[in-house]
């Protein structure tokens, strides 16, 4: 990929977000207005569907006004934008086989400085369909019951869900639970988020389920925009960016996990409405978009090996 071309396209979208018209940007680059619009929209769509832009649906058609109204969220996404991975994802949007997730987990165990936490973050992403910001908001009580047992059937609380609507979440996979449990054991050994020793395995129930390596909560910033309040968490986005960088392949993103789960549920015969409920999506167009790319009904090798428990309860 031409790095100069990409850098220029990123500058173009920043100019538009700052208030310049497509025509004004075109004058600066000696290009037609339509050419500028095409390049800006391409970058914006990458940010929405591959990186994820807070409060902007991945299927939304980016307009100049949308870019300006959500400027801080797009700029946040730009910090985590990798053109090479974006190019690969555009060419091949398909499910991520369990074997690739396992390979990435193994790489994390061998090379990550925060291996236990990072493996747990990876596994929960590919088993719950929760968005990164929602994962950053989860608390110990969402995963554990007071007696220390795992809440096999839990919920994404309204204050956790990005859309503010409660939905079910399931912790029924031994491999996923084991990864989270190992991380919690490490937390206890480091005295991070400790509570009453007789409840919640000695962890504070209202402590965040996942913490920064220094034991502090991941920082969630609240920003006002013309469209309302936006919540940004650079810590969780950076954590996942680093996690994906360990993969021996390109193209895997947080959006890949949601697409993977949606298509696996579809393979099991779960209806679009139920898939939307489980993923916290109310727009049929979003579910349709997740299912449209790389449908694998005819490829049994990609069927989940009981890692995604959502479909069992739809």
C-alpha atoms as a PDB file:
ATOM      1  CA  UNK A   1       0.000   0.000   0.000  1.00  0.00           C
ATOM      2  CA  UNK A   2       1.251   3.499  -0.894  1.00  0.00           C
ATOM      3  CA  UNK A   3       1.989   5.094   2.481  1.00  0.00           C
ATOM      4  CA  UNK A   4       1.993   8.596   0.981  1.00  0.00           C
ATOM      5  CA  UNK A   5      -1.456   8.002  -0.497  1.00  0.00           C
ATOM      6  CA  UNK A   6      -2.808   6.790   2.853  1.00  0.00           C
ATOM      7  CA  UNK A   7      -1.205   9.668   4.747  1.00  0.00           C
ATOM      8  CA  UNK A   8      -2.791  12.142   2.339  1.00  0.00           C
ATOM      9  CA  UNK A   9      -6.207  10.485   2.723  1.00  0.00           C
ATOM     10  CA  UNK A  10      -5.942  10.715   6.497  1.00  0.00           C
ATOM     11  CA  UNK A  11      -5.033  14.386   6.217  1.00  0.00           C
ATOM     12  CA  UNK A  12      -8.071  14.883   3.977  1.00  0.00           C
ATOM     13  CA  UNK A  13     -10.487  13.387   6.499  1.00  0.00           C
ATOM     14  CA  UNK A  14      -8.957  15.484   9.265  1.00  0.00           C
ATOM     15  CA  UNK A  15      -9.434  18.624   7.176  1.00  0.00           C
ATOM     16  CA  UNK A  16     -13.075  17.753   6.561  1.00  0.00           C
ATOM     17  CA  UNK A  17     -13.619  17.058  10.267  1.00  0.00           C
ATOM     18  CA  UNK A  18     -12.085  20.454  11.032  1.00  0.00           C
ATOM     19  CA  UNK A  19     -14.678  22.211   8.857  1.00  0.00           C
ATOM     20  CA  UNK A  20     -13.230  22.383   5.356  1.00  0.00           C
ATOM     21  CA  UNK A  21     -15.508  21.419   2.478  1.00  0.00           C
ATOM     22  CA  UNK A  22     -14.623  18.685  -0.003  1.00  0.00           C
ATOM     23  CA  UNK A  23     -14.086  21.435  -2.562  1.00  0.00           C
ATOM     24  CA  UNK A  24     -11.637  23.310  -0.347  1.00  0.00           C
ATOM     25  CA  UNK A  25      -9.675  20.139   0.357  1.00  0.00           C
ATOM     26  CA  UNK A  26      -9.698  19.407  -3.361  1.00  0.00           C
ATOM     27  CA  UNK A  27      -8.139  22.789  -4.084  1.00  0.00           C
ATOM     28  CA  UNK A  28      -5.350  22.057  -1.613  1.00  0.00           C
ATOM     29  CA  UNK A  29      -4.602  18.708  -3.297  1.00  0.00           C
ATOM     30  CA  UNK A  30      -5.478  19.733  -6.868  1.00  0.00           C
ATOM     31  CA  UNK A  31      -8.108  17.009  -7.022  1.00  0.00           C
ATOM     32  CA  UNK A  32     -11.782  16.970  -7.912  1.00  0.00           C
ATOM     33  CA  UNK A  33     -14.344  17.225  -5.137  1.00  0.00           C
ATOM     34  CA  UNK A  34     -15.639  13.713  -5.907  1.00  0.00           C
ATOM     35  CA  UNK A  35     -12.141  12.243  -5.589  1.00  0.00           C
ATOM     36  CA  UNK A  36     -11.714  13.810  -2.144  1.00  0.00           C
ATOM     37  CA  UNK A  37     -15.131  12.588  -1.064  1.00  0.00           C
ATOM     38  CA  UNK A  38     -14.330   9.038  -2.198  1.00  0.00           C
ATOM     39  CA  UNK A  39     -11.035   8.911  -0.299  1.00  0.00           C
ATOM     40  CA  UNK A  40     -12.501  10.450   2.851  1.00  0.00           C
ATOM     41  CA  UNK A  41     -15.414   8.019   2.854  1.00  0.00           C
ATOM     42  CA  UNK A  42     -13.088   5.055   2.357  1.00  0.00           C
ATOM     43  CA  UNK A  43     -11.069   5.984   5.447  1.00  0.00           C
ATOM     44  CA  UNK A  44     -14.252   6.722   7.424  1.00  0.00           C
ATOM     45  CA  UNK A  45     -15.779   3.355   6.513  1.00  0.00           C
ATOM     46  CA  UNK A  46     -12.572   1.589   7.572  1.00  0.00           C
ATOM     47  CA  UNK A  47     -12.724   3.346  10.924  1.00  0.00           C
ATOM     48  CA  UNK A  48     -16.392   2.449  11.408  1.00  0.00           C
ATOM     49  CA  UNK A  49     -16.338  -1.184  10.307  1.00  0.00           C
ATOM     50  CA  UNK A  50     -12.811  -2.274  11.222  1.00  0.00           C
ATOM     51  CA  UNK A  51     -11.632  -0.163  14.154  1.00  0.00           C
ATOM     52  CA  UNK A  52     -15.044   0.941  15.434  1.00  0.00           C
ATOM     53  CA  UNK A  53     -16.202   4.511  16.055  1.00  0.00           C
ATOM     54  CA  UNK A  54     -18.057   5.123  19.303  1.00  0.00           C
ATOM     55  CA  UNK A  55     -21.762   5.928  18.762  1.00  0.00           C
ATOM     56  CA  UNK A  56     -21.475   5.559  14.969  1.00  0.00           C
ATOM     57  CA  UNK A  57     -23.001   2.379  13.429  1.00  0.00           C
ATOM     58  CA  UNK A  58     -20.529   0.490  11.272  1.00  0.00           C
ATOM     59  CA  UNK A  59     -22.935   0.537   8.311  1.00  0.00           C
ATOM     60  CA  UNK A  60     -23.602   4.305   8.416  1.00  0.00           C
ATOM     61  CA  UNK A  61     -22.763   6.274   5.277  1.00  0.00           C
ATOM     62  CA  UNK A  62     -20.226   8.868   6.447  1.00  0.00           C
ATOM     63  CA  UNK A  63     -21.141  12.451   5.603  1.00  0.00           C
ATOM     64  CA  UNK A  64     -19.185  15.621   6.275  1.00  0.00           C
ATOM     65  CA  UNK A  65     -21.632  16.578   9.014  1.00  0.00           C
ATOM     66  CA  UNK A  66     -21.370  13.151  10.634  1.00  0.00           C
ATOM     67  CA  UNK A  67     -17.580  13.403  10.619  1.00  0.00           C
ATOM     68  CA  UNK A  68     -17.692  16.821  12.267  1.00  0.00           C
ATOM     69  CA  UNK A  69     -20.352  15.908  14.822  1.00  0.00           C
ATOM     70  CA  UNK A  70     -18.350  12.835  15.881  1.00  0.00           C
ATOM     71  CA  UNK A  71     -14.901  14.319  15.346  1.00  0.00           C
ATOM     72  CA  UNK A  72     -13.408  13.205  18.676  1.00  0.00           C
ATOM     73  CA  UNK A  73     -14.599   9.622  18.198  1.00  0.00           C
ATOM     74  CA  UNK A  74     -13.195   9.427  14.650  1.00  0.00           C
ATOM     75  CA  UNK A  75      -9.877  10.908  15.811  1.00  0.00           C
ATOM     76  CA  UNK A  76      -9.775   8.320  18.590  1.00  0.00           C
ATOM     77  CA  UNK A  77     -10.328   5.554  16.047  1.00  0.00           C
ATOM     78  CA  UNK A  78      -7.628   6.995  13.789  1.00  0.00           C
ATOM     79  CA  UNK A  79      -5.074   6.449  16.559  1.00  0.00           C
ATOM     80  CA  UNK A  80      -5.743   2.710  16.254  1.00  0.00           C
ATOM     81  CA  UNK A  81      -6.000   2.558  12.465  1.00  0.00           C
ATOM     82  CA  UNK A  82      -3.544   0.271  10.682  1.00  0.00           C
ATOM     83  CA  UNK A  83      -3.882   0.646   6.882  1.00  0.00           C
ATOM     84  CA  UNK A  84      -2.347  -2.748   6.085  1.00  0.00           C
ATOM     85  CA  UNK A  85      -4.821  -4.558   8.304  1.00  0.00           C
ATOM     86  CA  UNK A  86      -7.677  -2.442   6.997  1.00  0.00           C
ATOM     87  CA  UNK A  87      -6.804  -3.344   3.412  1.00  0.00           C
ATOM     88  CA  UNK A  88      -6.791  -7.034   4.297  1.00  0.00           C
ATOM     89  CA  UNK A  89     -10.096  -6.764   6.137  1.00  0.00           C
ATOM     90  CA  UNK A  90     -11.746  -5.036   3.195  1.00  0.00           C
ATOM     91  CA  UNK A  91     -10.665  -7.851   0.929  1.00  0.00           C
ATOM     92  CA  UNK A  92     -11.691 -10.680   3.224  1.00  0.00           C
ATOM     93  CA  UNK A  93     -14.334 -10.093   5.863  1.00  0.00           C
ATOM     94  CA  UNK A  94     -15.020 -13.562   7.200  1.00  0.00           C
ATOM     95  CA  UNK A  95     -15.266 -15.463  10.436  1.00  0.00           C
ATOM     96  CA  UNK A  96     -12.098 -16.024  12.440  1.00  0.00           C
ATOM     97  CA  UNK A  97     -11.651 -19.778  12.976  1.00  0.00           C
ATOM     98  CA  UNK A  98     -11.121 -20.971  16.551  1.00  0.00           C
ATOM     99  CA  UNK A  99      -7.705 -22.212  15.465  1.00  0.00           C
ATOM    100  CA  UNK A 100      -6.585 -18.647  14.740  1.00  0.00           C
ATOM    101  CA  UNK A 101      -7.902 -17.413  18.078  1.00  0.00           C
ATOM    102  CA  UNK A 102      -6.043 -20.258  19.802  1.00  0.00           C
ATOM    103  CA  UNK A 103      -2.858 -19.417  17.878  1.00  0.00           C
ATOM    104  CA  UNK A 104      -3.101 -15.788  18.946  1.00  0.00           C
ATOM    105  CA  UNK A 105      -3.720 -16.810  22.569  1.00  0.00           C
ATOM    106  CA  UNK A 106      -0.590 -18.964  22.455  1.00  0.00           C
ATOM    107  CA  UNK A 107       1.441 -16.043  21.113  1.00  0.00           C
ATOM    108  CA  UNK A 108       0.156 -13.880  23.955  1.00  0.00           C
ATOM    109  CA  UNK A 109       1.095 -16.474  26.563  1.00  0.00           C
ATOM    110  CA  UNK A 110       4.623 -16.586  25.200  1.00  0.00           C
ATOM    111  CA  UNK A 111       5.313 -12.943  24.449  1.00  0.00           C
ATOM    112  CA  UNK A 112       2.870 -10.549  26.125  1.00  0.00           C
ATOM    113  CA  UNK A 113       3.978  -8.712  29.274  1.00  0.00           C
ATOM    114  CA  UNK A 114       0.392  -8.990  30.512  1.00  0.00           C
ATOM    115  CA  UNK A 115      -0.278 -12.480  29.233  1.00  0.00           C
ATOM    116  CA  UNK A 116      -3.003 -13.571  31.671  1.00  0.00           C
ATOM    117  CA  UNK A 117      -5.072 -10.442  31.221  1.00  0.00           C
ATOM    118  CA  UNK A 118      -4.566 -10.275  27.460  1.00  0.00           C
ATOM    119  CA  UNK A 119      -5.583 -13.897  26.893  1.00  0.00           C
ATOM    120  CA  UNK A 120      -8.700 -13.313  29.013  1.00  0.00           C
ATOM    121  CA  UNK A 121      -9.524 -10.160  27.030  1.00  0.00           C
ATOM    122  CA  UNK A 122      -9.130 -12.067  23.771  1.00  0.00           C
ATOM    123  CA  UNK A 123     -11.279 -14.989  24.881  1.00  0.00           C
ATOM    124  CA  UNK A 124     -14.123 -12.889  26.289  1.00  0.00           C
ATOM    125  CA  UNK A 125     -14.210 -10.843  23.091  1.00  0.00           C
ATOM    126  CA  UNK A 126     -14.641 -13.932  20.916  1.00  0.00           C
ATOM    127  CA  UNK A 127     -17.210 -15.579  23.197  1.00  0.00           C
ATOM    128  CA  UNK A 128     -19.597 -12.814  24.290  1.00  0.00           C
ATOM    129  CA  UNK A 129     -19.831 -10.425  21.304  1.00  0.00           C
ATOM    130  CA  UNK A 130     -19.407  -7.540  23.747  1.00  0.00           C
ATOM    131  CA  UNK A 131     -17.815  -4.370  22.405  1.00  0.00           C
ATOM    132  CA  UNK A 132     -14.456  -3.234  23.850  1.00  0.00           C
ATOM    133  CA  UNK A 133     -16.038  -0.350  25.778  1.00  0.00           C
ATOM    134  CA  UNK A 134     -18.582  -2.751  27.275  1.00  0.00           C
ATOM    135  CA  UNK A 135     -15.796  -5.128  28.308  1.00  0.00           C
ATOM    136  CA  UNK A 136     -13.993  -2.229  29.988  1.00  0.00           C
ATOM    137  CA  UNK A 137     -17.190  -1.486  31.955  1.00  0.00           C
ATOM    138  CA  UNK A 138     -17.787  -5.059  33.186  1.00  0.00           C
ATOM    139  CA  UNK A 139     -17.414  -5.612  36.920  1.00  0.00           C
ATOM    140  CA  UNK A 140     -16.406  -8.660  38.948  1.00  0.00           C
ATOM    141  CA  UNK A 141     -20.068  -9.169  39.967  1.00  0.00           C
ATOM    142  CA  UNK A 142     -21.022  -9.515  36.302  1.00  0.00           C
ATOM    143  CA  UNK A 143     -18.834 -12.610  36.035  1.00  0.00           C
ATOM    144  CA  UNK A 144     -18.876 -14.051  39.569  1.00  0.00           C
ATOM    145  CA  UNK A 145     -21.667 -14.807  42.016  1.00  0.00           C
ATOM    146  CA  UNK A 146     -21.182 -13.959  45.690  1.00  0.00           C
ATOM    147  CA  UNK A 147     -20.129 -17.545  46.478  1.00  0.00           C
ATOM    148  CA  UNK A 148     -17.337 -17.306  43.922  1.00  0.00           C
ATOM    149  CA  UNK A 149     -18.964 -19.440  41.250  1.00  0.00           C
ATOM    150  CA  UNK A 150     -19.115 -18.284  37.655  1.00  0.00           C
ATOM    151  CA  UNK A 151     -22.409 -16.731  36.570  1.00  0.00           C
ATOM    152  CA  UNK A 152     -23.028 -18.999  33.593  1.00  0.00           C
ATOM    153  CA  UNK A 153     -26.064 -16.902  32.660  1.00  0.00           C
ATOM    154  CA  UNK A 154     -25.428 -13.234  33.333  1.00  0.00           C
ATOM    155  CA  UNK A 155     -26.409  -9.899  31.802  1.00  0.00           C
ATOM    156  CA  UNK A 156     -24.868  -6.887  30.128  1.00  0.00           C
ATOM    157  CA  UNK A 157     -26.343  -4.265  32.456  1.00  0.00           C
ATOM    158  CA  UNK A 158     -27.886  -1.097  30.939  1.00  0.00           C
ATOM    159  CA  UNK A 159     -25.035   1.006  32.332  1.00  0.00           C
ATOM    160  CA  UNK A 160     -22.551  -1.342  30.659  1.00  0.00           C
ATOM    161  CA  UNK A 161     -24.272  -1.658  27.282  1.00  0.00           C
ATOM    162  CA  UNK A 162     -23.347   0.974  24.716  1.00  0.00           C
ATOM    163  CA  UNK A 163     -26.970   1.275  23.628  1.00  0.00           C
ATOM    164  CA  UNK A 164     -28.187   1.408  27.241  1.00  0.00           C
ATOM    165  CA  UNK A 165     -30.323  -1.715  26.811  1.00  0.00           C
ATOM    166  CA  UNK A 166     -29.859  -4.782  29.000  1.00  0.00           C
ATOM    167  CA  UNK A 167     -29.148  -8.041  27.206  1.00  0.00           C
ATOM    168  CA  UNK A 168     -28.075 -11.567  28.195  1.00  0.00           C
ATOM    169  CA  UNK A 169     -24.475 -12.742  28.236  1.00  0.00           C
ATOM    170  CA  UNK A 170     -23.254 -16.270  28.934  1.00  0.00           C
ATOM    171  CA  UNK A 171     -20.064 -17.632  30.490  1.00  0.00           C
ATOM    172  CA  UNK A 172     -20.560 -21.303  29.621  1.00  0.00           C
ATOM    173  CA  UNK A 173     -17.288 -22.159  27.901  1.00  0.00           C
ATOM    174  CA  UNK A 174     -14.630 -23.825  30.041  1.00  0.00           C
ATOM    175  CA  UNK A 175     -11.757 -22.436  27.959  1.00  0.00           C
ATOM    176  CA  UNK A 176     -13.037 -18.874  28.277  1.00  0.00           C
ATOM    177  CA  UNK A 177     -13.773 -19.215  31.996  1.00  0.00           C
ATOM    178  CA  UNK A 178     -10.368 -20.730  32.626  1.00  0.00           C
ATOM    179  CA  UNK A 179      -8.651 -17.784  30.940  1.00  0.00           C
ATOM    180  CA  UNK A 180     -10.614 -15.265  33.030  1.00  0.00           C
ATOM    181  CA  UNK A 181     -10.097 -17.284  36.222  1.00  0.00           C
ATOM    182  CA  UNK A 182      -6.329 -17.383  35.722  1.00  0.00           C
ATOM    183  CA  UNK A 183      -6.311 -13.620  35.328  1.00  0.00           C
ATOM    184  CA  UNK A 184      -8.378 -13.169  38.508  1.00  0.00           C
ATOM    185  CA  UNK A 185      -5.955 -15.406  40.423  1.00  0.00           C
ATOM    186  CA  UNK A 186      -3.148 -13.164  39.255  1.00  0.00           C
ATOM    187  CA  UNK A 187      -5.097 -10.096  40.367  1.00  0.00           C
ATOM    188  CA  UNK A 188      -5.529 -11.533  43.842  1.00  0.00           C
ATOM    189  CA  UNK A 189      -1.824 -12.324  44.057  1.00  0.00           C
ATOM    190  CA  UNK A 190      -1.080  -8.694  43.181  1.00  0.00           C
ATOM    191  CA  UNK A 191      -3.776  -7.383  45.577  1.00  0.00           C
ATOM    192  CA  UNK A 192      -5.606  -5.593  42.788  1.00  0.00           C
ATOM    193  CA  UNK A 193      -9.247  -4.825  43.572  1.00  0.00           C
ATOM    194  CA  UNK A 194      -9.352  -6.875  46.773  1.00  0.00           C
ATOM    195  CA  UNK A 195     -12.566  -7.123  48.827  1.00  0.00           C
ATOM    196  CA  UNK A 196     -14.128  -9.376  51.459  1.00  0.00           C
ATOM    197  CA  UNK A 197     -12.214 -12.654  51.520  1.00  0.00           C
ATOM    198  CA  UNK A 198     -15.416 -14.690  51.989  1.00  0.00           C
ATOM    199  CA  UNK A 199     -17.193 -13.430  48.886  1.00  0.00           C
ATOM    200  CA  UNK A 200     -16.437 -13.090  45.161  1.00  0.00           C
ATOM    201  CA  UNK A 201     -13.177 -15.043  45.644  1.00  0.00           C
ATOM    202  CA  UNK A 202     -11.830 -12.202  47.720  1.00  0.00           C
ATOM    203  CA  UNK A 203     -12.344  -9.568  45.028  1.00  0.00           C
ATOM    204  CA  UNK A 204     -14.394  -6.403  45.376  1.00  0.00           C
ATOM    205  CA  UNK A 205     -17.680  -7.062  43.513  1.00  0.00           C
ATOM    206  CA  UNK A 206     -17.855  -3.545  42.083  1.00  0.00           C
ATOM    207  CA  UNK A 207     -14.242  -3.639  40.940  1.00  0.00           C
ATOM    208  CA  UNK A 208     -13.846  -3.692  37.163  1.00  0.00           C
ATOM    209  CA  UNK A 209     -13.394  -7.184  35.790  1.00  0.00           C
ATOM    210  CA  UNK A 210     -10.382  -6.068  33.757  1.00  0.00           C
ATOM    211  CA  UNK A 211      -7.828  -3.570  35.033  1.00  0.00           C
ATOM    212  CA  UNK A 212      -4.791  -1.853  33.630  1.00  0.00           C
ATOM    213  CA  UNK A 213      -1.465  -3.581  34.358  1.00  0.00           C
ATOM    214  CA  UNK A 214      -0.887  -1.133  37.233  1.00  0.00           C
ATOM    215  CA  UNK A 215      -4.111  -2.274  38.885  1.00  0.00           C
ATOM    216  CA  UNK A 216      -6.066   0.897  38.118  1.00  0.00           C
ATOM    217  CA  UNK A 217      -9.377   1.055  36.257  1.00  0.00           C
ATOM    218  CA  UNK A 218      -9.265   1.590  32.528  1.00  0.00           C
ATOM    219  CA  UNK A 219      -9.991   5.257  31.961  1.00  0.00           C
ATOM    220  CA  UNK A 220     -13.297   6.059  30.304  1.00  0.00           C
ATOM    221  CA  UNK A 221     -13.586   9.650  29.147  1.00  0.00           C
ATOM    222  CA  UNK A 222     -16.908  11.387  28.686  1.00  0.00           C
ATOM    223  CA  UNK A 223     -17.154  13.947  25.902  1.00  0.00           C
ATOM    224  CA  UNK A 224     -19.986  16.204  24.806  1.00  0.00           C
ATOM    225  CA  UNK A 225     -20.824  16.421  21.116  1.00  0.00           C
ATOM    226  CA  UNK A 226     -23.680  17.918  19.149  1.00  0.00           C
ATOM    227  CA  UNK A 227     -25.174  14.428  18.982  1.00  0.00           C
ATOM    228  CA  UNK A 228     -24.984  13.911  22.756  1.00  0.00           C
ATOM    229  CA  UNK A 229     -22.506  12.306  25.153  1.00  0.00           C
ATOM    230  CA  UNK A 230     -19.722  10.049  23.872  1.00  0.00           C
ATOM    231  CA  UNK A 231     -17.662   7.676  25.979  1.00  0.00           C
ATOM    232  CA  UNK A 232     -14.135   6.796  24.934  1.00  0.00           C
ATOM    233  CA  UNK A 233     -11.719   4.290  26.465  1.00  0.00           C
ATOM    234  CA  UNK A 234      -8.252   4.514  24.970  1.00  0.00           C
ATOM    235  CA  UNK A 235      -6.915   1.917  27.433  1.00  0.00           C
ATOM    236  CA  UNK A 236      -9.127  -0.919  26.158  1.00  0.00           C
ATOM    237  CA  UNK A 237      -8.639   0.028  22.506  1.00  0.00           C
ATOM    238  CA  UNK A 238      -4.870   0.134  22.941  1.00  0.00           C
ATOM    239  CA  UNK A 239      -4.961  -3.202  24.782  1.00  0.00           C
ATOM    240  CA  UNK A 240      -6.771  -4.873  21.897  1.00  0.00           C
ATOM    241  CA  UNK A 241      -4.523  -3.216  19.340  1.00  0.00           C
ATOM    242  CA  UNK A 242      -1.521  -4.751  21.089  1.00  0.00           C
ATOM    243  CA  UNK A 243      -3.257  -8.108  21.418  1.00  0.00           C
ATOM    244  CA  UNK A 244      -4.002  -8.274  17.691  1.00  0.00           C
ATOM    245  CA  UNK A 245      -0.435  -7.233  16.859  1.00  0.00           C
ATOM    246  CA  UNK A 246       0.812 -10.570  18.255  1.00  0.00           C
ATOM    247  CA  UNK A 247      -1.176 -12.520  15.695  1.00  0.00           C
ATOM    248  CA  UNK A 248       0.739 -14.386  12.956  1.00  0.00           C
ATOM    249  CA  UNK A 249      -1.921 -13.096  10.527  1.00  0.00           C
ATOM    250  CA  UNK A 250      -3.512  -9.768   9.635  1.00  0.00           C
ATOM    251  CA  UNK A 251      -7.063  -8.528   9.494  1.00  0.00           C
ATOM    252  CA  UNK A 252      -8.300  -9.570  12.955  1.00  0.00           C
ATOM    253  CA  UNK A 253     -10.105  -6.782  14.847  1.00  0.00           C
ATOM    254  CA  UNK A 254     -12.726  -6.331  17.552  1.00  0.00           C
ATOM    255  CA  UNK A 255     -15.282  -6.112  14.746  1.00  0.00           C
ATOM    256  CA  UNK A 256     -14.058  -9.493  13.506  1.00  0.00           C
ATOM    257  CA  UNK A 257     -15.253 -11.017  16.765  1.00  0.00           C
ATOM    258  CA  UNK A 258     -18.784  -9.658  16.387  1.00  0.00           C
ATOM    259  CA  UNK A 259     -18.900 -10.759  12.749  1.00  0.00           C
ATOM    260  CA  UNK A 260     -17.596 -14.200  13.725  1.00  0.00           C
ATOM    261  CA  UNK A 261     -20.202 -14.709  16.441  1.00  0.00           C
ATOM    262  CA  UNK A 262     -23.030 -13.398  14.275  1.00  0.00           C
ATOM    263  CA  UNK A 263     -22.173 -15.811  11.474  1.00  0.00           C
ATOM    264  CA  UNK A 264     -21.720 -18.757  13.834  1.00  0.00           C
ATOM    265  CA  UNK A 265     -25.137 -18.088  15.350  1.00  0.00           C
ATOM    266  CA  UNK A 266     -26.570 -17.857  11.854  1.00  0.00           C
ATOM    267  CA  UNK A 267     -25.003 -21.224  11.020  1.00  0.00           C
ATOM    268  CA  UNK A 268     -26.784 -22.702  14.045  1.00  0.00           C
ATOM    269  CA  UNK A 269     -30.084 -21.447  12.702  1.00  0.00           C
ATOM    270  CA  UNK A 270     -30.532 -18.524  15.090  1.00  0.00           C
ATOM    271  CA  UNK A 271     -32.755 -15.842  13.538  1.00  0.00           C
ATOM    272  CA  UNK A 272     -31.592 -12.333  12.687  1.00  0.00           C
ATOM    273  CA  UNK A 273     -33.746 -10.745  15.396  1.00  0.00           C
ATOM    274  CA  UNK A 274     -32.289 -13.015  18.080  1.00  0.00           C
ATOM    275  CA  UNK A 275     -28.759 -12.387  16.795  1.00  0.00           C
ATOM    276  CA  UNK A 276     -29.392  -8.664  17.045  1.00  0.00           C
ATOM    277  CA  UNK A 277     -30.614  -9.044  20.632  1.00  0.00           C
ATOM    278  CA  UNK A 278     -27.592 -11.088  21.675  1.00  0.00           C
ATOM    279  CA  UNK A 279     -25.195  -8.628  20.055  1.00  0.00           C
ATOM    280  CA  UNK A 280     -26.997  -5.552  21.350  1.00  0.00           C
ATOM    281  CA  UNK A 281     -27.963  -4.412  17.860  1.00  0.00           C
ATOM    282  CA  UNK A 282     -31.424  -3.060  17.080  1.00  0.00           C
ATOM    283  CA  UNK A 283     -30.871  -2.170  13.413  1.00  0.00           C
ATOM    284  CA  UNK A 284     -31.573  -5.024  11.011  1.00  0.00           C
ATOM    285  CA  UNK A 285     -29.148  -3.453   8.529  1.00  0.00           C
ATOM    286  CA  UNK A 286     -26.274  -3.964  10.968  1.00  0.00           C
ATOM    287  CA  UNK A 287     -27.066  -7.646  11.461  1.00  0.00           C
ATOM    288  CA  UNK A 288     -27.466  -8.087   7.718  1.00  0.00           C
ATOM    289  CA  UNK A 289     -24.082  -6.465   7.142  1.00  0.00           C
ATOM    290  CA  UNK A 290     -22.417  -8.755   9.692  1.00  0.00           C
ATOM    291  CA  UNK A 291     -23.918 -11.809   8.018  1.00  0.00           C
ATOM    292  CA  UNK A 292     -23.367 -10.720   4.421  1.00  0.00           C
ATOM    293  CA  UNK A 293     -19.573 -10.956   4.386  1.00  0.00           C
ATOM    294  CA  UNK A 294     -17.952 -14.342   4.204  1.00  0.00           C
ATOM    295  CA  UNK A 295     -21.013 -16.454   4.967  1.00  0.00           C
ATOM    296  CA  UNK A 296     -19.720 -19.911   5.873  1.00  0.00           C
ATOM    297  CA  UNK A 297     -22.833 -22.080   5.932  1.00  0.00           C
ATOM    298  CA  UNK A 298     -21.178 -24.569   3.633  1.00  0.00           C
ATOM    299  CA  UNK A 299     -17.902 -24.746   5.499  1.00  0.00           C
ATOM    300  CA  UNK A 300     -18.264 -26.947   8.585  1.00  0.00           C
ATOM    301  CA  UNK A 301     -14.637 -26.390   9.575  1.00  0.00           C
ATOM    302  CA  UNK A 302     -15.500 -22.898  10.763  1.00  0.00           C
ATOM    303  CA  UNK A 303     -18.339 -23.970  13.041  1.00  0.00           C
ATOM    304  CA  UNK A 304     -17.683 -23.032  16.670  1.00  0.00           C
ATOM    305  CA  UNK A 305     -16.552 -25.766  19.000  1.00  0.00           C
ATOM    306  CA  UNK A 306     -18.932 -24.760  21.822  1.00  0.00           C
ATOM    307  CA  UNK A 307     -16.858 -21.644  22.462  1.00  0.00           C
ATOM    308  CA  UNK A 308     -19.752 -19.299  21.751  1.00  0.00           C
ATOM    309  CA  UNK A 309     -22.574 -20.286  24.082  1.00  0.00           C
ATOM    310  CA  UNK A 310     -24.925 -17.531  22.944  1.00  0.00           C
ATOM    311  CA  UNK A 311     -26.695 -19.617  20.342  1.00  0.00           C
ATOM    312  CA  UNK A 312     -27.638 -22.260  22.885  1.00  0.00           C
ATOM    313  CA  UNK A 313     -29.810 -19.732  24.688  1.00  0.00           C
ATOM    314  CA  UNK A 314     -31.267 -17.741  21.803  1.00  0.00           C
END
